[in-house]
Amino acid sequence: MSIQSIHSIAGVTVPDSTLVRETTDFIRDAENDLLFDHSRRVFFFGALQGRRLGLKPDLELLYVASMFHDLGLTERYRTSELRFEVDGANAARDFLLQRGVDAENARKVWLGIALHTTPGVPQFLDPEIALVIAGVETDVVGINREKLSNEAIDAVTAAHPRIDFKSRILSAFHDGMKLRPDSTFGTMNADVLAHFDPTFERQNFVDLILNNDWPE
């Protein structure tokens, strides 16, 4: 069964629009199976968590944000000095604006991607922003997984399997960030580099305050 023929899983229907089809094709070409299947699961889990919370996102925008959220980890962006989340957010925004999506909706997608590793903030913003991180947290960390039905989880993972996902996604994070360690300052991404590289030295916020050149 082709990806384009999978329109509904666990009661969540992927919008059948030109934008969604072009998004699927673009990400399918840009990402390997690991990131592609993960991104699809993020959409479905995000939508399911939104349903549980009574949120009503624009599913087309949520789909684009979910599919682009890890694009910054791919080979194309390895030499970037930006946070990988921002690379993906910028790419998604440009993709949308080039296809006539208005700036406000493109901004929602940008924020959903840029903030998807920043817990404690997105849930207070638009549903399209809040549910990207909700889907990521469910798929990567298992947060609120128990609040979804086993049937829904099984349906999503049957369509997009989690084959050795934990170790493979950690390796993908590392590969996407190891050449730009400074971009992980102040984020959970530094945990990944520390896991793989015993010589990695985190910047310390307290040291930056105490040792900067302001006279005291």
N, C-alpha and C. Protein backbone atom coordinates (compact mmCIF):
# COMPACT_ATOMS: atom_id res chain seq x y z
N MET A 1 0.85 -1.20 0.00
CA MET A 1 0.00 0.00 0.00
C MET A 1 0.89 1.25 0.00
N SER A 2 0.63 2.19 -0.89
CA SER A 2 1.43 3.40 -0.95
C SER A 2 1.05 4.34 0.18
N ILE A 3 2.00 5.23 0.52
CA ILE A 3 1.73 6.23 1.55
C ILE A 3 0.54 7.09 1.17
N GLN A 4 0.47 7.46 -0.11
CA GLN A 4 -0.60 8.35 -0.54
C GLN A 4 -1.97 7.69 -0.38
N SER A 5 -2.02 6.35 -0.32
CA SER A 5 -3.31 5.68 -0.19
C SER A 5 -3.74 5.54 1.26
N ILE A 6 -2.83 5.85 2.21
CA ILE A 6 -3.17 5.77 3.63
C ILE A 6 -3.74 7.11 4.05
N HIS A 7 -5.05 7.23 4.02
CA HIS A 7 -5.69 8.51 4.32
C HIS A 7 -6.23 8.58 5.73
N SER A 8 -6.51 7.44 6.35
CA SER A 8 -7.13 7.45 7.67
C SER A 8 -6.55 6.34 8.53
N ILE A 9 -6.12 6.70 9.73
CA ILE A 9 -5.60 5.75 10.70
C ILE A 9 -6.16 6.13 12.06
N ALA A 10 -6.71 5.15 12.77
CA ALA A 10 -7.23 5.37 14.13
C ALA A 10 -8.24 6.50 14.18
N GLY A 11 -9.00 6.66 13.10
CA GLY A 11 -10.02 7.69 13.06
C GLY A 11 -9.52 9.08 12.71
N VAL A 12 -8.21 9.20 12.44
CA VAL A 12 -7.64 10.48 12.02
C VAL A 12 -7.42 10.43 10.52
N THR A 13 -8.03 11.35 9.81
CA THR A 13 -7.94 11.38 8.36
C THR A 13 -6.95 12.44 7.89
N VAL A 14 -5.98 12.00 7.10
CA VAL A 14 -5.04 12.94 6.49
C VAL A 14 -5.78 13.75 5.43
N PRO A 15 -5.72 15.08 5.50
CA PRO A 15 -6.41 15.88 4.49
C PRO A 15 -5.96 15.51 3.07
N ASP A 16 -6.92 15.37 2.19
CA ASP A 16 -6.62 15.02 0.80
C ASP A 16 -6.53 16.31 -0.01
N SER A 17 -5.36 16.94 0.05
CA SER A 17 -5.18 18.23 -0.63
C SER A 17 -3.87 18.21 -1.39
N THR A 18 -3.76 19.14 -2.33
CA THR A 18 -2.51 19.25 -3.09
C THR A 18 -1.34 19.55 -2.16
N LEU A 19 -1.56 20.42 -1.18
CA LEU A 19 -0.48 20.78 -0.25
C LEU A 19 0.00 19.56 0.53
N VAL A 20 -0.91 18.75 1.00
CA VAL A 20 -0.53 17.55 1.75
C VAL A 20 0.21 16.57 0.85
N ARG A 21 -0.27 16.38 -0.36
CA ARG A 21 0.41 15.45 -1.28
C ARG A 21 1.81 15.95 -1.61
N GLU A 22 1.95 17.24 -1.84
CA GLU A 22 3.28 17.77 -2.15
C GLU A 22 4.20 17.69 -0.94
N THR A 23 3.65 17.89 0.24
CA THR A 23 4.44 17.75 1.47
C THR A 23 4.94 16.32 1.62
N THR A 24 4.05 15.36 1.43
CA THR A 24 4.43 13.96 1.54
C THR A 24 5.53 13.61 0.55
N ASP A 25 5.37 14.03 -0.68
CA ASP A 25 6.38 13.73 -1.71
C ASP A 25 7.72 14.38 -1.38
N PHE A 26 7.67 15.62 -0.91
CA PHE A 26 8.90 16.36 -0.61
C PHE A 26 9.67 15.68 0.52
N ILE A 27 8.97 15.34 1.60
CA ILE A 27 9.64 14.72 2.74
C ILE A 27 10.04 13.28 2.44
N ARG A 28 9.24 12.59 1.66
CA ARG A 28 9.60 11.23 1.28
C ARG A 28 10.93 11.21 0.54
N ASP A 29 11.17 12.23 -0.30
CA ASP A 29 12.43 12.32 -1.05
C ASP A 29 13.59 12.79 -0.18
N ALA A 30 13.28 13.58 0.86
CA ALA A 30 14.33 14.22 1.65
C ALA A 30 14.79 13.39 2.84
N GLU A 31 13.94 12.49 3.33
CA GLU A 31 14.24 11.77 4.56
C GLU A 31 14.29 10.26 4.34
N ASN A 32 15.03 9.59 5.20
CA ASN A 32 15.03 8.13 5.17
C ASN A 32 13.77 7.59 5.85
N ASP A 33 13.63 6.27 5.85
CA ASP A 33 12.43 5.66 6.41
C ASP A 33 12.26 5.98 7.88
N LEU A 34 13.37 6.03 8.62
CA LEU A 34 13.29 6.31 10.05
C LEU A 34 12.59 7.63 10.33
N LEU A 35 13.07 8.72 9.71
CA LEU A 35 12.51 10.04 9.97
C LEU A 35 11.14 10.21 9.33
N PHE A 36 10.95 9.60 8.17
CA PHE A 36 9.65 9.73 7.51
C PHE A 36 8.55 9.07 8.32
N ASP A 37 8.79 7.83 8.73
CA ASP A 37 7.77 7.12 9.52
C ASP A 37 7.54 7.80 10.87
N HIS A 38 8.61 8.27 11.48
CA HIS A 38 8.48 9.01 12.73
C HIS A 38 7.60 10.25 12.54
N SER A 39 7.84 10.98 11.48
CA SER A 39 7.08 12.21 11.23
C SER A 39 5.60 11.91 11.00
N ARG A 40 5.32 10.84 10.29
CA ARG A 40 3.93 10.45 10.11
C ARG A 40 3.28 10.08 11.45
N ARG A 41 4.01 9.35 12.27
CA ARG A 41 3.46 9.00 13.58
C ARG A 41 3.23 10.25 14.42
N VAL A 42 4.13 11.22 14.33
CA VAL A 42 3.95 12.47 15.07
C VAL A 42 2.63 13.13 14.68
N PHE A 43 2.31 13.13 13.40
CA PHE A 43 1.03 13.71 12.97
C PHE A 43 -0.14 12.97 13.61
N PHE A 44 -0.16 11.66 13.48
CA PHE A 44 -1.30 10.90 14.00
C PHE A 44 -1.38 10.97 15.52
N PHE A 45 -0.26 10.83 16.20
CA PHE A 45 -0.29 10.91 17.66
C PHE A 45 -0.65 12.32 18.11
N GLY A 46 -0.14 13.34 17.42
CA GLY A 46 -0.50 14.71 17.76
C GLY A 46 -1.99 14.95 17.60
N ALA A 47 -2.54 14.48 16.48
CA ALA A 47 -3.98 14.65 16.25
C ALA A 47 -4.80 13.88 17.29
N LEU A 48 -4.35 12.69 17.65
CA LEU A 48 -5.07 11.90 18.66
C LEU A 48 -4.99 12.55 20.04
N GLN A 49 -3.85 13.08 20.39
CA GLN A 49 -3.75 13.78 21.66
C GLN A 49 -4.60 15.05 21.64
N GLY A 50 -4.65 15.70 20.49
CA GLY A 50 -5.50 16.88 20.38
C GLY A 50 -6.97 16.55 20.57
N ARG A 51 -7.40 15.45 20.01
CA ARG A 51 -8.78 15.01 20.17
C ARG A 51 -9.08 14.75 21.64
N ARG A 52 -8.13 14.12 22.33
CA ARG A 52 -8.31 13.85 23.75
C ARG A 52 -8.42 15.13 24.56
N LEU A 53 -7.67 16.15 24.15
CA LEU A 53 -7.64 17.42 24.86
C LEU A 53 -8.72 18.40 24.42
N GLY A 54 -9.49 18.01 23.42
CA GLY A 54 -10.53 18.90 22.91
C GLY A 54 -10.02 20.01 22.03
N LEU A 55 -8.82 19.83 21.47
CA LEU A 55 -8.26 20.83 20.57
C LEU A 55 -8.67 20.52 19.13
N LYS A 56 -8.84 21.57 18.34
CA LYS A 56 -9.28 21.39 16.96
C LYS A 56 -8.31 22.09 16.01
N PRO A 57 -7.20 21.45 15.73
CA PRO A 57 -6.21 22.06 14.85
C PRO A 57 -6.65 22.02 13.40
N ASP A 58 -6.03 22.86 12.60
CA ASP A 58 -6.11 22.73 11.15
C ASP A 58 -5.21 21.55 10.80
N LEU A 59 -5.81 20.43 10.41
CA LEU A 59 -5.03 19.21 10.20
C LEU A 59 -4.04 19.34 9.05
N GLU A 60 -4.34 20.18 8.09
CA GLU A 60 -3.40 20.39 6.99
C GLU A 60 -2.12 21.04 7.50
N LEU A 61 -2.27 22.06 8.35
CA LEU A 61 -1.09 22.73 8.91
C LEU A 61 -0.35 21.80 9.87
N LEU A 62 -1.09 21.06 10.68
CA LEU A 62 -0.45 20.11 11.59
C LEU A 62 0.33 19.07 10.82
N TYR A 63 -0.21 18.63 9.70
CA TYR A 63 0.49 17.63 8.88
C TYR A 63 1.81 18.19 8.36
N VAL A 64 1.78 19.39 7.81
CA VAL A 64 3.00 19.98 7.27
C VAL A 64 4.04 20.14 8.37
N ALA A 65 3.62 20.68 9.52
CA ALA A 65 4.56 20.88 10.63
C ALA A 65 5.14 19.56 11.11
N SER A 66 4.30 18.54 11.22
CA SER A 66 4.77 17.24 11.67
C SER A 66 5.77 16.64 10.69
N MET A 67 5.48 16.76 9.41
CA MET A 67 6.34 16.14 8.40
C MET A 67 7.68 16.85 8.27
N PHE A 68 7.71 18.16 8.48
CA PHE A 68 8.95 18.92 8.34
C PHE A 68 9.76 19.00 9.64
N HIS A 69 9.22 18.51 10.75
CA HIS A 69 9.81 18.88 12.04
C HIS A 69 11.24 18.37 12.22
N ASP A 70 11.63 17.28 11.57
CA ASP A 70 13.00 16.77 11.71
C ASP A 70 13.82 16.90 10.43
N LEU A 71 13.36 17.69 9.50
CA LEU A 71 14.11 17.86 8.25
C LEU A 71 15.51 18.40 8.52
N GLY A 72 15.66 19.22 9.55
CA GLY A 72 16.96 19.80 9.86
C GLY A 72 18.00 18.80 10.31
N LEU A 73 17.60 17.56 10.55
CA LEU A 73 18.55 16.51 10.91
C LEU A 73 19.17 15.83 9.69
N THR A 74 18.66 16.11 8.52
CA THR A 74 19.11 15.40 7.32
C THR A 74 20.45 15.94 6.83
N GLU A 75 21.07 15.19 5.93
CA GLU A 75 22.42 15.49 5.44
C GLU A 75 22.54 16.92 4.91
N ARG A 76 21.51 17.41 4.29
CA ARG A 76 21.54 18.75 3.68
C ARG A 76 21.89 19.84 4.68
N TYR A 77 21.54 19.62 5.95
CA TYR A 77 21.71 20.68 6.95
C TYR A 77 22.84 20.40 7.94
N ARG A 78 23.65 19.39 7.68
CA ARG A 78 24.67 19.00 8.65
C ARG A 78 25.66 20.12 8.97
N THR A 79 25.95 20.98 8.00
CA THR A 79 26.94 22.03 8.23
C THR A 79 26.31 23.34 8.67
N SER A 80 25.02 23.34 8.91
CA SER A 80 24.34 24.54 9.41
C SER A 80 24.82 24.85 10.82
N GLU A 81 24.78 26.12 11.18
CA GLU A 81 25.11 26.51 12.55
C GLU A 81 23.85 26.82 13.37
N LEU A 82 22.69 26.69 12.74
CA LEU A 82 21.43 26.93 13.44
C LEU A 82 21.00 25.68 14.20
N ARG A 83 20.08 25.84 15.14
CA ARG A 83 19.44 24.68 15.73
C ARG A 83 18.73 23.91 14.62
N PHE A 84 18.77 22.59 14.69
CA PHE A 84 18.15 21.81 13.62
C PHE A 84 16.66 22.09 13.51
N GLU A 85 16.03 22.41 14.62
CA GLU A 85 14.61 22.74 14.61
C GLU A 85 14.34 23.98 13.75
N VAL A 86 15.22 24.95 13.83
CA VAL A 86 15.05 26.19 13.07
C VAL A 86 15.28 25.94 11.58
N ASP A 87 16.23 25.08 11.25
CA ASP A 87 16.41 24.73 9.83
C ASP A 87 15.14 24.13 9.25
N GLY A 88 14.52 23.20 9.98
CA GLY A 88 13.27 22.60 9.51
C GLY A 88 12.15 23.61 9.44
N ALA A 89 12.09 24.48 10.44
CA ALA A 89 11.04 25.49 10.47
C ALA A 89 11.18 26.46 9.30
N ASN A 90 12.39 26.88 9.02
CA ASN A 90 12.62 27.79 7.88
C ASN A 90 12.22 27.13 6.56
N ALA A 91 12.60 25.86 6.41
CA ALA A 91 12.28 25.15 5.17
C ALA A 91 10.76 25.02 5.00
N ALA A 92 10.07 24.71 6.07
CA ALA A 92 8.61 24.56 6.00
C ALA A 92 7.94 25.88 5.67
N ARG A 93 8.39 26.95 6.31
CA ARG A 93 7.82 28.27 6.04
C ARG A 93 7.99 28.65 4.57
N ASP A 94 9.20 28.44 4.04
CA ASP A 94 9.43 28.78 2.64
C ASP A 94 8.57 27.91 1.72
N PHE A 95 8.47 26.63 2.05
CA PHE A 95 7.64 25.70 1.28
C PHE A 95 6.20 26.19 1.22
N LEU A 96 5.68 26.63 2.35
CA LEU A 96 4.29 27.08 2.41
C LEU A 96 4.08 28.40 1.68
N LEU A 97 4.97 29.34 1.91
CA LEU A 97 4.81 30.65 1.26
C LEU A 97 4.90 30.53 -0.26
N GLN A 98 5.77 29.64 -0.73
CA GLN A 98 5.89 29.43 -2.18
C GLN A 98 4.62 28.85 -2.78
N ARG A 99 3.79 28.26 -1.95
CA ARG A 99 2.54 27.64 -2.43
C ARG A 99 1.31 28.45 -2.06
N GLY A 100 1.53 29.70 -1.70
CA GLY A 100 0.42 30.62 -1.49
C GLY A 100 -0.24 30.57 -0.14
N VAL A 101 0.34 29.85 0.82
CA VAL A 101 -0.21 29.83 2.17
C VAL A 101 0.08 31.17 2.83
N ASP A 102 -0.89 31.72 3.55
CA ASP A 102 -0.70 33.05 4.12
C ASP A 102 0.34 33.03 5.23
N ALA A 103 0.89 34.21 5.50
CA ALA A 103 2.03 34.33 6.42
C ALA A 103 1.68 33.89 7.83
N GLU A 104 0.46 34.14 8.28
CA GLU A 104 0.09 33.77 9.64
C GLU A 104 0.07 32.25 9.82
N ASN A 105 -0.47 31.54 8.85
CA ASN A 105 -0.47 30.08 8.94
C ASN A 105 0.94 29.51 8.80
N ALA A 106 1.75 30.13 7.93
CA ALA A 106 3.14 29.70 7.81
C ALA A 106 3.88 29.92 9.13
N ARG A 107 3.52 30.99 9.83
CA ARG A 107 4.14 31.27 11.12
C ARG A 107 3.76 30.21 12.15
N LYS A 108 2.54 29.75 12.14
CA LYS A 108 2.13 28.69 13.07
C LYS A 108 2.96 27.43 12.85
N VAL A 109 3.13 27.09 11.59
CA VAL A 109 3.93 25.91 11.27
C VAL A 109 5.38 26.12 11.71
N TRP A 110 5.91 27.32 11.45
CA TRP A 110 7.27 27.62 11.86
C TRP A 110 7.43 27.43 13.37
N LEU A 111 6.52 27.98 14.13
CA LEU A 111 6.61 27.88 15.59
C LEU A 111 6.45 26.44 16.07
N GLY A 112 5.54 25.69 15.45
CA GLY A 112 5.35 24.30 15.84
C GLY A 112 6.62 23.49 15.71
N ILE A 113 7.36 23.75 14.63
CA ILE A 113 8.61 23.02 14.39
C ILE A 113 9.72 23.57 15.28
N ALA A 114 9.86 24.88 15.32
CA ALA A 114 10.96 25.49 16.07
C ALA A 114 10.88 25.17 17.56
N LEU A 115 9.67 24.98 18.08
CA LEU A 115 9.49 24.76 19.52
C LEU A 115 9.26 23.30 19.89
N HIS A 116 9.47 22.38 18.95
CA HIS A 116 9.06 21.01 19.25
C HIS A 116 9.99 20.29 20.22
N THR A 117 11.13 20.89 20.57
CA THR A 117 11.97 20.35 21.63
C THR A 117 12.03 21.30 22.82
N THR A 118 11.03 22.16 22.95
CA THR A 118 10.99 23.14 24.04
C THR A 118 9.74 22.93 24.87
N PRO A 119 9.74 21.93 25.75
CA PRO A 119 8.54 21.65 26.54
C PRO A 119 8.21 22.79 27.50
N GLY A 120 6.93 22.90 27.82
CA GLY A 120 6.49 23.91 28.77
C GLY A 120 6.01 25.20 28.15
N VAL A 121 6.17 25.35 26.83
CA VAL A 121 5.74 26.57 26.14
C VAL A 121 4.66 26.30 25.09
N PRO A 122 4.86 25.35 24.16
CA PRO A 122 3.93 25.20 23.04
C PRO A 122 2.48 24.94 23.43
N GLN A 123 2.24 24.28 24.57
CA GLN A 123 0.86 23.94 24.92
C GLN A 123 0.00 25.16 25.18
N PHE A 124 0.62 26.33 25.33
CA PHE A 124 -0.14 27.55 25.55
C PHE A 124 -0.40 28.32 24.26
N LEU A 125 0.05 27.77 23.14
CA LEU A 125 -0.09 28.44 21.85
C LEU A 125 -1.16 27.75 21.01
N ASP A 126 -1.23 28.09 19.74
CA ASP A 126 -2.26 27.54 18.86
C ASP A 126 -2.19 26.02 18.81
N PRO A 127 -3.33 25.34 18.58
CA PRO A 127 -3.33 23.89 18.53
C PRO A 127 -2.33 23.30 17.55
N GLU A 128 -2.14 23.95 16.41
CA GLU A 128 -1.20 23.44 15.41
C GLU A 128 0.23 23.45 15.95
N ILE A 129 0.51 24.36 16.88
CA ILE A 129 1.83 24.45 17.50
C ILE A 129 1.93 23.45 18.65
N ALA A 130 0.91 23.44 19.49
CA ALA A 130 0.91 22.58 20.67
C ALA A 130 0.98 21.11 20.33
N LEU A 131 0.36 20.72 19.23
CA LEU A 131 0.21 19.29 18.95
C LEU A 131 1.39 18.68 18.21
N VAL A 132 2.28 19.50 17.67
CA VAL A 132 3.51 18.94 17.12
C VAL A 132 4.34 18.35 18.26
N ILE A 133 4.57 19.14 19.29
CA ILE A 133 5.36 18.62 20.40
C ILE A 133 4.62 17.50 21.13
N ALA A 134 3.30 17.56 21.17
CA ALA A 134 2.54 16.47 21.79
C ALA A 134 2.77 15.16 21.05
N GLY A 135 2.77 15.21 19.72
CA GLY A 135 3.04 14.02 18.93
C GLY A 135 4.46 13.54 19.09
N VAL A 136 5.41 14.47 19.14
CA VAL A 136 6.81 14.12 19.33
C VAL A 136 7.01 13.47 20.70
N GLU A 137 6.43 14.06 21.72
CA GLU A 137 6.60 13.52 23.07
C GLU A 137 6.02 12.11 23.18
N THR A 138 4.89 11.88 22.53
CA THR A 138 4.30 10.55 22.56
C THR A 138 5.20 9.54 21.88
N ASP A 139 5.70 9.88 20.69
CA ASP A 139 6.46 8.91 19.91
C ASP A 139 7.87 8.70 20.42
N VAL A 140 8.52 9.76 20.90
CA VAL A 140 9.93 9.66 21.27
C VAL A 140 10.10 9.31 22.75
N VAL A 141 9.31 9.95 23.61
CA VAL A 141 9.52 9.80 25.05
C VAL A 141 8.42 9.00 25.72
N GLY A 142 7.31 8.77 25.02
CA GLY A 142 6.21 8.01 25.59
C GLY A 142 5.30 8.82 26.49
N ILE A 143 5.43 10.15 26.46
CA ILE A 143 4.60 11.01 27.32
C ILE A 143 3.15 10.94 26.86
N ASN A 144 2.26 10.65 27.78
CA ASN A 144 0.81 10.53 27.54
C ASN A 144 0.45 9.39 26.59
N ARG A 145 1.37 8.50 26.35
CA ARG A 145 1.07 7.32 25.54
C ARG A 145 -0.07 6.51 26.15
N GLU A 146 -0.05 6.42 27.47
CA GLU A 146 -1.06 5.61 28.17
C GLU A 146 -2.46 6.21 28.07
N LYS A 147 -2.56 7.46 27.62
CA LYS A 147 -3.86 8.11 27.50
C LYS A 147 -4.51 7.86 26.14
N LEU A 148 -3.79 7.19 25.25
CA LEU A 148 -4.35 6.79 23.97
C LEU A 148 -4.72 5.31 24.03
N SER A 149 -5.70 4.93 23.26
CA SER A 149 -6.13 3.53 23.29
C SER A 149 -5.07 2.63 22.65
N ASN A 150 -5.00 1.40 23.13
CA ASN A 150 -4.07 0.44 22.53
C ASN A 150 -4.39 0.21 21.06
N GLU A 151 -5.67 0.26 20.72
CA GLU A 151 -6.08 0.05 19.34
C GLU A 151 -5.55 1.16 18.44
N ALA A 152 -5.61 2.41 18.93
CA ALA A 152 -5.12 3.53 18.14
C ALA A 152 -3.61 3.45 17.97
N ILE A 153 -2.91 3.14 19.04
CA ILE A 153 -1.45 3.03 18.98
C ILE A 153 -1.05 1.92 18.02
N ASP A 154 -1.72 0.78 18.12
CA ASP A 154 -1.39 -0.35 17.24
C ASP A 154 -1.64 -0.02 15.78
N ALA A 155 -2.71 0.74 15.51
CA ALA A 155 -3.02 1.09 14.13
C ALA A 155 -1.95 2.01 13.54
N VAL A 156 -1.51 2.99 14.34
CA VAL A 156 -0.49 3.93 13.86
C VAL A 156 0.83 3.21 13.64
N THR A 157 1.23 2.38 14.59
CA THR A 157 2.53 1.72 14.47
C THR A 157 2.52 0.57 13.46
N ALA A 158 1.35 0.06 13.14
CA ALA A 158 1.27 -0.94 12.07
C ALA A 158 1.53 -0.29 10.72
N ALA A 159 0.99 0.91 10.54
CA ALA A 159 1.19 1.63 9.28
C ALA A 159 2.60 2.21 9.17
N HIS A 160 3.15 2.61 10.33
CA HIS A 160 4.48 3.25 10.36
C HIS A 160 5.26 2.65 11.52
N PRO A 161 5.91 1.51 11.29
CA PRO A 161 6.53 0.73 12.37
C PRO A 161 7.69 1.46 13.06
N ARG A 162 7.83 1.11 14.34
CA ARG A 162 8.92 1.64 15.17
C ARG A 162 10.02 0.57 15.27
N ILE A 163 10.73 0.32 14.21
CA ILE A 163 11.75 -0.73 14.18
C ILE A 163 13.04 -0.21 14.82
N ASP A 164 13.40 -0.77 15.97
CA ASP A 164 14.61 -0.35 16.70
C ASP A 164 14.65 1.16 16.82
N PHE A 165 13.51 1.76 17.10
CA PHE A 165 13.38 3.21 16.98
C PHE A 165 14.23 3.96 17.99
N LYS A 166 14.26 3.51 19.22
CA LYS A 166 14.93 4.29 20.27
C LYS A 166 16.40 4.53 19.93
N SER A 167 17.13 3.48 19.60
CA SER A 167 18.55 3.65 19.30
C SER A 167 18.76 4.37 17.97
N ARG A 168 17.90 4.11 17.00
CA ARG A 168 18.07 4.73 15.69
C ARG A 168 17.77 6.22 15.72
N ILE A 169 16.78 6.65 16.48
CA ILE A 169 16.46 8.08 16.52
C ILE A 169 17.54 8.83 17.29
N LEU A 170 18.10 8.20 18.33
CA LEU A 170 19.21 8.84 19.03
C LEU A 170 20.40 9.04 18.10
N SER A 171 20.69 8.04 17.28
CA SER A 171 21.78 8.16 16.32
C SER A 171 21.50 9.25 15.29
N ALA A 172 20.24 9.36 14.87
CA ALA A 172 19.87 10.41 13.91
C ALA A 172 20.03 11.79 14.53
N PHE A 173 19.64 11.93 15.79
CA PHE A 173 19.84 13.21 16.48
C PHE A 173 21.33 13.55 16.52
N HIS A 174 22.13 12.57 16.89
CA HIS A 174 23.57 12.80 17.00
C HIS A 174 24.17 13.18 15.66
N ASP A 175 23.83 12.43 14.63
CA ASP A 175 24.37 12.73 13.30
C ASP A 175 23.98 14.13 12.83
N GLY A 176 22.79 14.55 13.20
CA GLY A 176 22.31 15.86 12.75
C GLY A 176 22.88 17.03 13.51
N MET A 177 23.48 16.76 14.69
CA MET A 177 23.93 17.87 15.54
C MET A 177 25.41 17.85 15.89
N LYS A 178 26.10 16.76 15.60
CA LYS A 178 27.48 16.63 16.09
C LYS A 178 28.43 17.66 15.49
N LEU A 179 28.11 18.19 14.32
CA LEU A 179 28.97 19.20 13.70
C LEU A 179 28.60 20.62 14.12
N ARG A 180 27.56 20.77 14.93
CA ARG A 180 27.14 22.10 15.40
C ARG A 180 26.80 22.04 16.90
N PRO A 181 27.76 21.63 17.72
CA PRO A 181 27.49 21.43 19.14
C PRO A 181 27.01 22.69 19.85
N ASP A 182 27.47 23.86 19.40
CA ASP A 182 27.05 25.10 20.06
C ASP A 182 25.55 25.34 19.93
N SER A 183 24.93 24.74 18.91
CA SER A 183 23.49 24.95 18.71
C SER A 183 22.65 24.25 19.76
N THR A 184 23.27 23.38 20.57
CA THR A 184 22.52 22.64 21.57
C THR A 184 22.51 23.33 22.93
N PHE A 185 23.19 24.46 23.06
CA PHE A 185 23.25 25.15 24.35
C PHE A 185 21.84 25.48 24.84
N GLY A 186 21.57 25.15 26.09
CA GLY A 186 20.29 25.47 26.69
C GLY A 186 19.15 24.57 26.29
N THR A 187 19.43 23.47 25.60
CA THR A 187 18.37 22.58 25.14
C THR A 187 18.67 21.15 25.57
N MET A 188 17.62 20.32 25.47
CA MET A 188 17.79 18.90 25.77
C MET A 188 18.67 18.21 24.74
N ASN A 189 18.91 18.86 23.61
CA ASN A 189 19.75 18.26 22.58
C ASN A 189 21.17 18.03 23.06
N ALA A 190 21.62 18.82 24.03
CA ALA A 190 22.95 18.62 24.58
C ALA A 190 23.08 17.25 25.23
N ASP A 191 21.97 16.71 25.73
CA ASP A 191 22.00 15.37 26.33
C ASP A 191 22.43 14.32 25.31
N VAL A 192 22.00 14.51 24.07
CA VAL A 192 22.34 13.55 23.02
C VAL A 192 23.84 13.57 22.74
N LEU A 193 24.41 14.75 22.59
CA LEU A 193 25.84 14.84 22.31
C LEU A 193 26.65 14.29 23.48
N ALA A 194 26.22 14.56 24.70
CA ALA A 194 26.92 14.03 25.87
C ALA A 194 26.86 12.51 25.92
N HIS A 195 25.75 11.94 25.44
CA HIS A 195 25.59 10.49 25.43
C HIS A 195 26.57 9.82 24.47
N PHE A 196 26.78 10.43 23.32
CA PHE A 196 27.62 9.82 22.30
C PHE A 196 29.09 10.22 22.40
N ASP A 197 29.37 11.38 22.97
CA ASP A 197 30.73 11.90 22.96
C ASP A 197 31.17 12.25 24.39
N PRO A 198 32.00 11.41 25.02
CA PRO A 198 32.42 11.69 26.39
C PRO A 198 33.27 12.94 26.53
N THR A 199 33.77 13.48 25.43
CA THR A 199 34.58 14.70 25.49
C THR A 199 33.73 15.96 25.33
N PHE A 200 32.45 15.79 25.06
CA PHE A 200 31.58 16.96 24.86
C PHE A 200 31.47 17.76 26.15
N GLU A 201 31.67 19.07 26.04
CA GLU A 201 31.58 19.95 27.20
C GLU A 201 30.40 20.90 27.02
N ARG A 202 29.45 20.80 27.92
CA ARG A 202 28.27 21.68 27.88
C ARG A 202 28.68 23.09 28.32
N GLN A 203 28.09 24.08 27.69
CA GLN A 203 28.20 25.43 28.23
C GLN A 203 27.32 25.51 29.46
N ASN A 204 27.76 26.28 30.42
CA ASN A 204 27.04 26.41 31.69
C ASN A 204 26.52 27.83 31.82
N PHE A 205 25.21 27.96 31.99
CA PHE A 205 24.58 29.27 32.04
C PHE A 205 25.06 30.08 33.24
N VAL A 206 25.27 29.42 34.36
CA VAL A 206 25.75 30.12 35.56
C VAL A 206 27.15 30.68 35.30
N ASP A 207 28.00 29.87 34.66
CA ASP A 207 29.34 30.35 34.35
C ASP A 207 29.30 31.56 33.42
N LEU A 208 28.38 31.53 32.46
CA LEU A 208 28.27 32.66 31.54
C LEU A 208 27.87 33.93 32.28
N ILE A 209 27.03 33.80 33.29
CA ILE A 209 26.63 34.98 34.07
C ILE A 209 27.80 35.47 34.92
N LEU A 210 28.45 34.54 35.62
CA LEU A 210 29.49 34.93 36.57
C LEU A 210 30.77 35.41 35.90
N ASN A 211 31.04 34.90 34.69
CA ASN A 211 32.33 35.17 34.07
C ASN A 211 32.28 36.11 32.87
N ASN A 212 31.14 36.75 32.63
CA ASN A 212 31.10 37.68 31.49
C ASN A 212 31.78 38.98 31.86
N ASP A 213 31.93 39.90 30.89
CA ASP A 213 32.79 41.07 31.08
C ASP A 213 32.08 42.27 31.70
N TRP A 214 30.88 42.08 32.24
CA TRP A 214 30.27 43.17 32.98
C TRP A 214 31.03 43.39 34.29
N PRO A 215 31.39 44.65 34.59
CA PRO A 215 32.10 44.90 35.86
C PRO A 215 31.16 44.77 37.04
N GLU A 216 31.66 44.25 38.14
CA GLU A 216 30.86 44.12 39.38
C GLU A 216 31.61 44.78 40.52
